[in-house]
Amino acid sequence: LEKIANARSYRLNKNKIISKTNDSSQTNNNSTSKETGFGAFVDGDLDLTVSFWLYGIVGSIIIGVVTGYLSGTYDPTWGVLYVIAVIIILIGVWRSANKYTKVKISQNKSSIWGGMAKAFCIVSALGLLKFLVDLVALLEK
């Protein structure tokens, strides 16, 4: 009976040591991991949902409204800022979609949302290209 108690005590202590090791490695990973801000977005490290909806949709709408107002009221060259901002947004969403797709494929799950986000990026890039052509024509006048 004493051997069983000692073996159980050994297992409990061993589990505590493993748990402490895992906790400290998670703490180290969290302290060295990137923030959840704009840098993480551009690198594609944010969740696809956050990247797409917060930056891709809401962010581009806000940037579009602000730069559209400034272009119409003051100077059309504010459109250049819009183009740069949207390019950065599309890069971040594309990278998030890539990482999302890789994770889902490794889990043998559907990666349809990653593909849909990439399709959004392609269509948006085509629209941005048309906007850029119109902006250049406007600035040449």
Foldseek 3Di string as FASTA:
>chain_A
DVVVVVVVVVVVVVVVVVVVVVVVVVVVCVVPDDDQDDVCLLQLNHALVCLCPVCVPVVLVVLCVVLVVCCVPPNVVSVVVSLVSNVSSLNSNLSVLVVQQVVCVVVVHDSVVSVVSNVVSVVVVVVSVVVVVVSVVVVVD
